[in-house]
């Protein structure tokens, strides 16, 4: 079994308007199971998320759902969340 750490997943997140928005995403997602680390950049509207190896398929949908519930997807014209490869 390979123990190499994978790089971060990159997400585009729309609808952030201030540092409190990006801090809230970091705090909420950072506490989720299987999330090892998260860094959100307000200026570029991007997040990098490091997950425990082998948990991507179960964790990514949960992250997207959680961020949507936080209100960052409620207006299709302003908010978006995509997994950028």
N, C-alpha and C. Protein backbone atom coordinates (compact mmCIF):
# COMPACT_ATOMS: atom_id res chain seq x y z
N UNK A 1 0.84 -1.17 0.00
CA UNK A 1 0.00 0.00 0.00
C UNK A 1 0.89 1.24 0.00
N UNK A 2 0.60 2.15 -0.89
CA UNK A 2 1.39 3.37 -1.02
C UNK A 2 0.97 4.38 0.05
N UNK A 3 1.93 5.02 0.69
CA UNK A 3 1.63 5.98 1.75
C UNK A 3 1.95 7.41 1.34
N UNK A 4 2.20 7.62 0.07
CA UNK A 4 2.52 8.95 -0.42
C UNK A 4 1.33 9.88 -0.21
N UNK A 5 1.60 11.11 0.25
CA UNK A 5 0.53 12.08 0.43
C UNK A 5 0.17 12.70 -0.90
N UNK A 6 -1.11 12.79 -1.15
CA UNK A 6 -1.60 13.43 -2.36
C UNK A 6 -1.56 14.94 -2.18
N UNK A 7 -1.52 15.64 -3.29
CA UNK A 7 -1.58 17.10 -3.24
C UNK A 7 -2.98 17.56 -2.92
N UNK A 8 -3.14 18.87 -2.80
CA UNK A 8 -4.46 19.39 -2.43
C UNK A 8 -5.45 19.32 -3.59
N UNK A 9 -6.71 19.25 -3.24
CA UNK A 9 -7.78 19.43 -4.22
C UNK A 9 -8.01 20.93 -4.30
N UNK A 10 -8.30 21.41 -5.49
CA UNK A 10 -8.52 22.84 -5.67
C UNK A 10 -9.98 23.09 -6.02
N UNK A 11 -10.58 24.02 -5.30
CA UNK A 11 -11.97 24.37 -5.51
C UNK A 11 -12.08 25.84 -5.89
N UNK A 12 -12.95 26.14 -6.83
CA UNK A 12 -13.33 27.52 -7.12
C UNK A 12 -14.59 27.79 -6.30
N UNK A 13 -14.58 28.86 -5.51
CA UNK A 13 -15.72 29.18 -4.66
C UNK A 13 -16.16 30.61 -4.95
N UNK A 14 -17.40 30.77 -5.34
CA UNK A 14 -17.95 32.10 -5.59
C UNK A 14 -18.85 32.54 -4.45
N UNK A 15 -19.11 33.82 -4.42
CA UNK A 15 -20.03 34.35 -3.43
C UNK A 15 -19.37 34.83 -2.14
N UNK A 16 -18.04 34.75 -2.07
CA UNK A 16 -17.35 35.27 -0.89
C UNK A 16 -17.18 36.77 -1.08
N UNK A 17 -17.52 37.53 -0.03
CA UNK A 17 -17.44 38.99 -0.16
C UNK A 17 -16.46 39.63 0.81
N UNK A 18 -16.02 38.88 1.80
CA UNK A 18 -15.14 39.49 2.80
C UNK A 18 -14.30 38.41 3.46
N UNK A 19 -13.37 38.85 4.29
CA UNK A 19 -12.50 37.90 4.99
C UNK A 19 -13.27 36.99 5.93
N UNK A 20 -14.38 37.47 6.45
CA UNK A 20 -15.19 36.63 7.33
C UNK A 20 -15.75 35.43 6.57
N UNK A 21 -16.09 35.63 5.30
CA UNK A 21 -16.60 34.52 4.47
C UNK A 21 -15.53 33.44 4.32
N UNK A 22 -14.34 33.83 3.92
CA UNK A 22 -13.28 32.85 3.72
C UNK A 22 -12.87 32.20 5.04
N UNK A 23 -12.86 32.95 6.13
CA UNK A 23 -12.52 32.39 7.44
C UNK A 23 -13.57 31.38 7.89
N UNK A 24 -14.83 31.68 7.60
CA UNK A 24 -15.90 30.76 7.99
C UNK A 24 -15.78 29.44 7.23
N UNK A 25 -15.49 29.52 5.94
CA UNK A 25 -15.31 28.30 5.15
C UNK A 25 -14.15 27.49 5.72
N UNK A 26 -13.03 28.15 6.00
CA UNK A 26 -11.88 27.45 6.56
C UNK A 26 -12.23 26.78 7.89
N UNK A 27 -12.96 27.48 8.73
CA UNK A 27 -13.31 26.94 10.04
C UNK A 27 -14.26 25.74 9.92
N UNK A 28 -15.31 25.89 9.14
CA UNK A 28 -16.32 24.83 9.03
C UNK A 28 -15.78 23.61 8.29
N UNK A 29 -15.19 23.82 7.13
CA UNK A 29 -14.68 22.69 6.35
C UNK A 29 -13.47 22.07 7.05
N UNK A 30 -12.65 22.89 7.67
CA UNK A 30 -11.47 22.39 8.36
C UNK A 30 -11.79 21.44 9.50
N UNK A 31 -13.00 21.53 10.04
CA UNK A 31 -13.41 20.64 11.14
C UNK A 31 -14.09 19.37 10.64
N UNK A 32 -14.28 19.26 9.34
CA UNK A 32 -14.96 18.08 8.81
C UNK A 32 -14.06 16.85 8.87
N UNK A 33 -14.72 15.71 9.00
CA UNK A 33 -14.00 14.45 9.01
C UNK A 33 -13.25 14.28 7.69
N UNK A 34 -12.05 13.75 7.76
CA UNK A 34 -11.16 13.46 6.63
C UNK A 34 -10.45 14.68 6.05
N UNK A 35 -10.74 15.88 6.54
CA UNK A 35 -10.05 17.08 6.06
C UNK A 35 -8.83 17.30 6.94
N UNK A 36 -7.66 17.27 6.31
CA UNK A 36 -6.43 17.47 7.08
C UNK A 36 -6.05 18.95 7.16
N UNK A 37 -6.34 19.69 6.08
CA UNK A 37 -5.92 21.10 6.02
C UNK A 37 -6.73 21.79 4.94
N UNK A 38 -6.99 23.09 5.12
CA UNK A 38 -7.68 23.88 4.12
C UNK A 38 -7.08 25.28 4.10
N UNK A 39 -6.97 25.86 2.92
CA UNK A 39 -6.52 27.24 2.76
C UNK A 39 -7.44 27.90 1.74
N UNK A 40 -8.11 28.96 2.15
CA UNK A 40 -9.03 29.69 1.27
C UNK A 40 -8.42 31.04 0.96
N UNK A 41 -8.41 31.40 -0.33
CA UNK A 41 -7.89 32.68 -0.78
C UNK A 41 -9.06 33.52 -1.26
N UNK A 42 -9.41 34.56 -0.52
CA UNK A 42 -10.53 35.42 -0.86
C UNK A 42 -10.29 36.13 -2.19
N UNK A 43 -9.09 36.62 -2.41
CA UNK A 43 -8.79 37.41 -3.61
C UNK A 43 -8.95 36.61 -4.90
N UNK A 44 -8.60 35.34 -4.86
CA UNK A 44 -8.70 34.51 -6.07
C UNK A 44 -9.96 33.65 -6.08
N UNK A 45 -10.71 33.66 -4.99
CA UNK A 45 -11.93 32.85 -4.83
C UNK A 45 -11.63 31.37 -5.02
N UNK A 46 -10.52 30.92 -4.43
CA UNK A 46 -10.12 29.53 -4.55
C UNK A 46 -9.80 28.95 -3.17
N UNK A 47 -9.99 27.64 -3.07
CA UNK A 47 -9.62 26.93 -1.85
C UNK A 47 -8.78 25.73 -2.22
N UNK A 48 -7.82 25.43 -1.40
CA UNK A 48 -7.04 24.20 -1.51
C UNK A 48 -7.37 23.38 -0.28
N UNK A 49 -7.72 22.10 -0.51
CA UNK A 49 -8.11 21.24 0.59
C UNK A 49 -7.33 19.94 0.51
N UNK A 50 -6.65 19.61 1.60
CA UNK A 50 -5.91 18.36 1.71
C UNK A 50 -6.78 17.38 2.48
N UNK A 51 -6.99 16.20 1.91
CA UNK A 51 -7.81 15.17 2.54
C UNK A 51 -6.95 13.99 2.96
N UNK A 52 -7.48 13.20 3.89
CA UNK A 52 -6.83 11.95 4.24
C UNK A 52 -6.83 11.07 2.99
N UNK A 53 -5.73 10.38 2.73
CA UNK A 53 -5.64 9.54 1.53
C UNK A 53 -6.79 8.53 1.45
N UNK A 54 -7.33 8.39 0.24
CA UNK A 54 -8.38 7.42 -0.01
C UNK A 54 -9.78 7.86 0.36
N UNK A 55 -9.96 9.12 0.75
CA UNK A 55 -11.29 9.57 1.19
C UNK A 55 -11.93 10.56 0.22
N UNK A 56 -11.30 10.83 -0.90
CA UNK A 56 -11.79 11.85 -1.83
C UNK A 56 -13.22 11.60 -2.30
N UNK A 57 -13.52 10.38 -2.73
CA UNK A 57 -14.84 10.12 -3.31
C UNK A 57 -15.98 10.31 -2.31
N UNK A 58 -15.73 10.05 -1.04
CA UNK A 58 -16.79 10.23 -0.06
C UNK A 58 -16.82 11.64 0.53
N UNK A 59 -15.67 12.32 0.55
CA UNK A 59 -15.59 13.61 1.24
C UNK A 59 -15.91 14.80 0.35
N UNK A 60 -15.52 14.76 -0.93
CA UNK A 60 -15.75 15.90 -1.82
C UNK A 60 -17.23 16.27 -1.90
N UNK A 61 -18.14 15.32 -2.12
CA UNK A 61 -19.56 15.70 -2.16
C UNK A 61 -20.04 16.32 -0.84
N UNK A 62 -19.52 15.84 0.28
CA UNK A 62 -19.90 16.40 1.58
C UNK A 62 -19.40 17.83 1.73
N UNK A 63 -18.20 18.09 1.25
CA UNK A 63 -17.65 19.45 1.30
C UNK A 63 -18.51 20.38 0.46
N UNK A 64 -18.84 19.95 -0.75
CA UNK A 64 -19.64 20.79 -1.65
C UNK A 64 -21.01 21.07 -1.05
N UNK A 65 -21.61 20.07 -0.43
CA UNK A 65 -22.92 20.25 0.21
C UNK A 65 -22.82 21.21 1.38
N UNK A 66 -21.78 21.06 2.20
CA UNK A 66 -21.61 21.92 3.37
C UNK A 66 -21.40 23.37 2.96
N UNK A 67 -20.57 23.62 1.95
CA UNK A 67 -20.32 24.99 1.50
C UNK A 67 -21.60 25.58 0.90
N UNK A 68 -22.36 24.78 0.18
CA UNK A 68 -23.64 25.25 -0.37
C UNK A 68 -24.61 25.63 0.75
N UNK A 69 -24.66 24.81 1.80
CA UNK A 69 -25.54 25.10 2.93
C UNK A 69 -25.12 26.38 3.66
N UNK A 70 -23.85 26.75 3.53
CA UNK A 70 -23.37 27.99 4.15
C UNK A 70 -23.80 29.21 3.34
N UNK A 71 -24.41 28.99 2.17
CA UNK A 71 -24.97 30.11 1.42
C UNK A 71 -24.14 30.57 0.24
N UNK A 72 -23.12 29.85 -0.14
CA UNK A 72 -22.28 30.32 -1.23
C UNK A 72 -22.75 29.87 -2.60
N UNK A 73 -23.87 29.14 -2.66
CA UNK A 73 -24.40 28.70 -3.95
C UNK A 73 -25.84 29.15 -4.15
N UNK A 74 -26.36 29.96 -3.28
CA UNK A 74 -27.78 30.26 -3.37
C UNK A 74 -28.16 31.09 -4.58
N UNK A 75 -27.29 31.93 -5.10
CA UNK A 75 -27.57 32.72 -6.30
C UNK A 75 -26.68 32.22 -7.41
N UNK A 76 -27.27 31.59 -8.41
CA UNK A 76 -26.50 30.98 -9.49
C UNK A 76 -25.64 32.02 -10.20
N UNK A 77 -26.11 33.24 -10.28
CA UNK A 77 -25.35 34.29 -10.97
C UNK A 77 -24.12 34.73 -10.21
N UNK A 78 -24.12 34.56 -8.89
CA UNK A 78 -23.01 35.06 -8.09
C UNK A 78 -22.18 33.94 -7.45
N UNK A 79 -22.82 32.85 -7.11
CA UNK A 79 -22.11 31.81 -6.37
C UNK A 79 -21.86 30.58 -7.21
N UNK A 80 -20.72 29.99 -7.02
CA UNK A 80 -20.39 28.75 -7.70
C UNK A 80 -19.38 28.00 -6.85
N UNK A 81 -19.38 26.72 -7.00
CA UNK A 81 -18.39 25.88 -6.32
C UNK A 81 -18.07 24.76 -7.26
N UNK A 82 -16.84 24.70 -7.71
CA UNK A 82 -16.44 23.63 -8.61
C UNK A 82 -15.13 23.04 -8.12
N UNK A 83 -14.93 21.79 -8.45
CA UNK A 83 -13.67 21.12 -8.17
C UNK A 83 -12.77 21.36 -9.37
N UNK A 84 -11.71 22.12 -9.19
CA UNK A 84 -10.79 22.44 -10.29
C UNK A 84 -9.62 21.48 -10.24
N UNK A 85 -9.45 20.71 -11.28
CA UNK A 85 -8.36 19.72 -11.33
C UNK A 85 -7.09 20.35 -11.84
